[in-house]
Amino acid sequence: MVRTDFGSERSYDDERFSARTVFESPRLKVVLGYFEPGQFIPVHAPDSDVVIDVQSGSAVVRDGREEHDVAPGDVVVVEAGTDRGVKADDGQRLEALLVTAPPPTDEEHAPVREGLRAGEFDPATPQS
């Protein structure tokens, strides 16, 4: 059994969101996400479902072409193969539980790495 809490795992990074993996198997990955204001997980569409449980702060979650505001207590699910991303609102930190099943592959996370490198929430959309 794995047991932890947001306070014990809390870690922020000035450059990008901080992901603390607390469990991973071939079937499931559980991550605690810590975001400074405006930080994000870039839009990508892996072949895995994701559950996002907002613990504190607020954010926008991309689900396909739609963006949804989320706040503490909100739980959202984005189905596999759907464009998705998470962006913390400006002005406050975000903490969220992210559960993916099955875990995305390294190849499926290439858009995440590219978006973080380029500082773009949606690396597939030309920035103006």
C-alpha atoms as a PDB file:
ATOM      1  CA  MET A   1       0.000   0.000   0.000  1.00  0.00           C
ATOM      2  CA  VAL A   2       1.143   3.522  -0.765  1.00  0.00           C
ATOM      3  CA  ARG A   3       0.093   6.255   1.627  1.00  0.00           C
ATOM      4  CA  THR A   4       1.068   9.900   1.406  1.00  0.00           C
ATOM      5  CA  ASP A   5      -0.451  13.373   1.419  1.00  0.00           C
ATOM      6  CA  PHE A   6      -0.072  16.626  -0.474  1.00  0.00           C
ATOM      7  CA  GLY A   7       1.882  18.271   2.337  1.00  0.00           C
ATOM      8  CA  SER A   8       4.476  15.507   2.563  1.00  0.00           C
ATOM      9  CA  GLU A   9       5.122  15.491  -1.190  1.00  0.00           C
ATOM     10  CA  ARG A  10       4.827  19.264  -1.773  1.00  0.00           C
ATOM     11  CA  SER A  11       7.506  20.582  -4.110  1.00  0.00           C
ATOM     12  CA  TYR A  12       7.354  23.601  -6.397  1.00  0.00           C
ATOM     13  CA  ASP A  13       9.657  24.522  -9.260  1.00  0.00           C
ATOM     14  CA  ASP A  14       9.979  28.079 -10.563  1.00  0.00           C
ATOM     15  CA  GLU A  15      10.547  26.838 -14.129  1.00  0.00           C
ATOM     16  CA  ARG A  16       7.733  24.279 -14.646  1.00  0.00           C
ATOM     17  CA  PHE A  17       5.055  22.308 -12.850  1.00  0.00           C
ATOM     18  CA  SER A  18       6.312  19.711 -10.388  1.00  0.00           C
ATOM     19  CA  ALA A  19       5.047  16.132 -10.726  1.00  0.00           C
ATOM     20  CA  ARG A  20       5.568  13.820  -7.753  1.00  0.00           C
ATOM     21  CA  THR A  21       4.854  10.234  -8.820  1.00  0.00           C
ATOM     22  CA  VAL A  22       3.519   8.337  -5.804  1.00  0.00           C
ATOM     23  CA  PHE A  23       2.616   5.093  -7.598  1.00  0.00           C
ATOM     24  CA  GLU A  24       3.201   3.576 -11.031  1.00  0.00           C
ATOM     25  CA  SER A  25       2.456   0.192 -12.552  1.00  0.00           C
ATOM     26  CA  PRO A  26       1.866  -0.966 -16.138  1.00  0.00           C
ATOM     27  CA  ARG A  27      -1.858  -0.246 -15.540  1.00  0.00           C
ATOM     28  CA  LEU A  28      -1.933   2.980 -13.530  1.00  0.00           C
ATOM     29  CA  LYS A  29       0.075   6.077 -12.639  1.00  0.00           C
ATOM     30  CA  VAL A  30      -0.708   8.373  -9.685  1.00  0.00           C
ATOM     31  CA  VAL A  31       0.912  11.811  -9.576  1.00  0.00           C
ATOM     32  CA  LEU A  32       0.585  14.788  -7.262  1.00  0.00           C
ATOM     33  CA  GLY A  33       0.917  17.936  -9.366  1.00  0.00           C
ATOM     34  CA  TYR A  34       2.178  21.240  -7.974  1.00  0.00           C
ATOM     35  CA  PHE A  35       1.863  24.323 -10.192  1.00  0.00           C
ATOM     36  CA  GLU A  36       3.028  27.871  -9.635  1.00  0.00           C
ATOM     37  CA  PRO A  37       0.576  30.465 -11.034  1.00  0.00           C
ATOM     38  CA  GLY A  38       0.353  30.166 -14.830  1.00  0.00           C
ATOM     39  CA  GLN A  39       2.313  26.903 -15.055  1.00  0.00           C
ATOM     40  CA  PHE A  40       0.868  24.108 -17.144  1.00  0.00           C
ATOM     41  CA  ILE A  41       0.912  20.596 -18.525  1.00  0.00           C
ATOM     42  CA  PRO A  42       0.919  21.187 -22.286  1.00  0.00           C
ATOM     43  CA  VAL A  43      -1.896  19.853 -24.440  1.00  0.00           C
ATOM     44  CA  HIS A  44      -1.335  16.285 -25.625  1.00  0.00           C
ATOM     45  CA  ALA A  45      -3.540  13.287 -26.448  1.00  0.00           C
ATOM     46  CA  PRO A  46      -2.128  10.036 -25.062  1.00  0.00           C
ATOM     47  CA  ASP A  47      -3.976   6.746 -25.283  1.00  0.00           C
ATOM     48  CA  SER A  48      -4.892   6.807 -21.597  1.00  0.00           C
ATOM     49  CA  ASP A  49      -7.742   8.130 -19.487  1.00  0.00           C
ATOM     50  CA  VAL A  50      -6.936  10.786 -16.892  1.00  0.00           C
ATOM     51  CA  VAL A  51      -8.682  11.773 -13.675  1.00  0.00           C
ATOM     52  CA  ILE A  52      -7.879  15.223 -12.272  1.00  0.00           C
ATOM     53  CA  ASP A  53      -8.902  15.981  -8.681  1.00  0.00           C
ATOM     54  CA  VAL A  54      -8.267  19.633  -7.747  1.00  0.00           C
ATOM     55  CA  GLN A  55      -7.124  19.982  -4.145  1.00  0.00           C
ATOM     56  CA  SER A  56      -6.337  23.707  -4.032  1.00  0.00           C
ATOM     57  CA  GLY A  57      -6.121  26.639  -6.418  1.00  0.00           C
ATOM     58  CA  SER A  58      -7.923  26.915  -9.724  1.00  0.00           C
ATOM     59  CA  ALA A  59      -7.127  26.080 -13.319  1.00  0.00           C
ATOM     60  CA  VAL A  60      -8.326  25.559 -16.844  1.00  0.00           C
ATOM     61  CA  VAL A  61      -8.532  21.971 -18.105  1.00  0.00           C
ATOM     62  CA  ARG A  62      -8.553  21.386 -21.863  1.00  0.00           C
ATOM     63  CA  ASP A  63     -10.880  18.600 -23.009  1.00  0.00           C
ATOM     64  CA  GLY A  64     -10.710  18.340 -26.783  1.00  0.00           C
ATOM     65  CA  ARG A  65     -11.456  21.831 -28.074  1.00  0.00           C
ATOM     66  CA  GLU A  66     -13.220  22.968 -24.907  1.00  0.00           C
ATOM     67  CA  GLU A  67     -11.684  24.569 -21.832  1.00  0.00           C
ATOM     68  CA  HIS A  68     -13.277  24.166 -18.406  1.00  0.00           C
ATOM     69  CA  ASP A  69     -12.599  26.149 -15.245  1.00  0.00           C
ATOM     70  CA  VAL A  70     -11.926  23.917 -12.243  1.00  0.00           C
ATOM     71  CA  ALA A  71     -11.606  24.680  -8.525  1.00  0.00           C
ATOM     72  CA  PRO A  72     -11.054  22.798  -5.250  1.00  0.00           C
ATOM     73  CA  GLY A  73     -13.329  19.799  -4.956  1.00  0.00           C
ATOM     74  CA  ASP A  74     -13.772  19.420  -8.724  1.00  0.00           C
ATOM     75  CA  VAL A  75     -13.011  16.038 -10.264  1.00  0.00           C
ATOM     76  CA  VAL A  76     -12.808  15.793 -14.049  1.00  0.00           C
ATOM     77  CA  VAL A  77     -12.115  12.869 -16.363  1.00  0.00           C
ATOM     78  CA  VAL A  78     -10.744  13.180 -19.894  1.00  0.00           C
ATOM     79  CA  GLU A  79     -10.953  10.089 -22.063  1.00  0.00           C
ATOM     80  CA  ALA A  80      -8.022   8.480 -23.850  1.00  0.00           C
ATOM     81  CA  GLY A  81      -7.071   9.957 -27.216  1.00  0.00           C
ATOM     82  CA  THR A  82      -8.593  13.354 -26.397  1.00  0.00           C
ATOM     83  CA  ASP A  83      -6.475  16.521 -26.425  1.00  0.00           C
ATOM     84  CA  ARG A  84      -5.945  17.559 -22.830  1.00  0.00           C
ATOM     85  CA  GLY A  85      -3.877  19.901 -20.734  1.00  0.00           C
ATOM     86  CA  VAL A  86      -3.975  21.693 -17.385  1.00  0.00           C
ATOM     87  CA  LYS A  87      -3.059  25.341 -16.784  1.00  0.00           C
ATOM     88  CA  ALA A  88      -3.008  26.936 -13.332  1.00  0.00           C
ATOM     89  CA  ASP A  89      -4.736  30.287 -13.103  1.00  0.00           C
ATOM     90  CA  ASP A  90      -2.599  33.371 -12.605  1.00  0.00           C
ATOM     91  CA  GLY A  91      -2.312  34.599  -9.040  1.00  0.00           C
ATOM     92  CA  GLN A  92      -2.434  31.327  -7.109  1.00  0.00           C
ATOM     93  CA  ARG A  93      -0.786  27.943  -6.841  1.00  0.00           C
ATOM     94  CA  LEU A  94      -2.565  24.778  -7.969  1.00  0.00           C
ATOM     95  CA  GLU A  95      -2.345  21.337  -6.386  1.00  0.00           C
ATOM     96  CA  ALA A  96      -4.057  18.406  -8.092  1.00  0.00           C
ATOM     97  CA  LEU A  97      -4.127  14.628  -8.055  1.00  0.00           C
ATOM     98  CA  LEU A  98      -3.641  13.187 -11.556  1.00  0.00           C
ATOM     99  CA  VAL A  99      -4.383   9.525 -12.217  1.00  0.00           C
ATOM    100  CA  THR A 100      -3.725   8.018 -15.655  1.00  0.00           C
ATOM    101  CA  ALA A 101      -4.662   4.550 -16.834  1.00  0.00           C
ATOM    102  CA  PRO A 102      -2.654   3.151 -18.445  1.00  0.00           C
ATOM    103  CA  PRO A 103       0.370   5.433 -17.992  1.00  0.00           C
ATOM    104  CA  PRO A 104       1.234   7.402 -21.149  1.00  0.00           C
ATOM    105  CA  THR A 105       4.263   6.249 -23.085  1.00  0.00           C
ATOM    106  CA  ASP A 106       7.416   8.317 -23.475  1.00  0.00           C
ATOM    107  CA  GLU A 107       6.479   8.890 -27.133  1.00  0.00           C
ATOM    108  CA  GLU A 108       2.992  10.105 -26.156  1.00  0.00           C
ATOM    109  CA  HIS A 109       4.598  12.642 -23.817  1.00  0.00           C
ATOM    110  CA  ALA A 110       6.743  14.207 -26.580  1.00  0.00           C
ATOM    111  CA  PRO A 111       4.233  17.105 -26.999  1.00  0.00           C
ATOM    112  CA  VAL A 112       4.479  17.749 -23.252  1.00  0.00           C
ATOM    113  CA  ARG A 113       8.266  18.027 -23.410  1.00  0.00           C
ATOM    114  CA  GLU A 114       8.032  20.245 -26.520  1.00  0.00           C
ATOM    115  CA  GLY A 115       5.417  22.510 -24.968  1.00  0.00           C
ATOM    116  CA  LEU A 116       7.455  22.912 -21.789  1.00  0.00           C
ATOM    117  CA  ARG A 117      10.625  23.616 -23.792  1.00  0.00           C
ATOM    118  CA  ALA A 118       8.824  26.230 -25.900  1.00  0.00           C
ATOM    119  CA  GLY A 119       6.724  27.628 -23.029  1.00  0.00           C
ATOM    120  CA  GLU A 120       3.491  26.857 -24.922  1.00  0.00           C
ATOM    121  CA  PHE A 121       0.327  25.435 -23.384  1.00  0.00           C
ATOM    122  CA  ASP A 122      -0.796  24.077 -26.770  1.00  0.00           C
ATOM    123  CA  PRO A 123       2.339  23.327 -28.827  1.00  0.00           C
ATOM    124  CA  ALA A 124       0.226  22.190 -31.813  1.00  0.00           C
ATOM    125  CA  THR A 125      -1.466  25.596 -32.147  1.00  0.00           C
ATOM    126  CA  PRO A 126       0.568  28.419 -33.686  1.00  0.00           C
ATOM    127  CA  GLN A 127       1.132  31.183 -31.130  1.00  0.00           C
ATOM    128  CA  SER A 128       0.256  34.746 -32.134  1.00  0.00           C
END
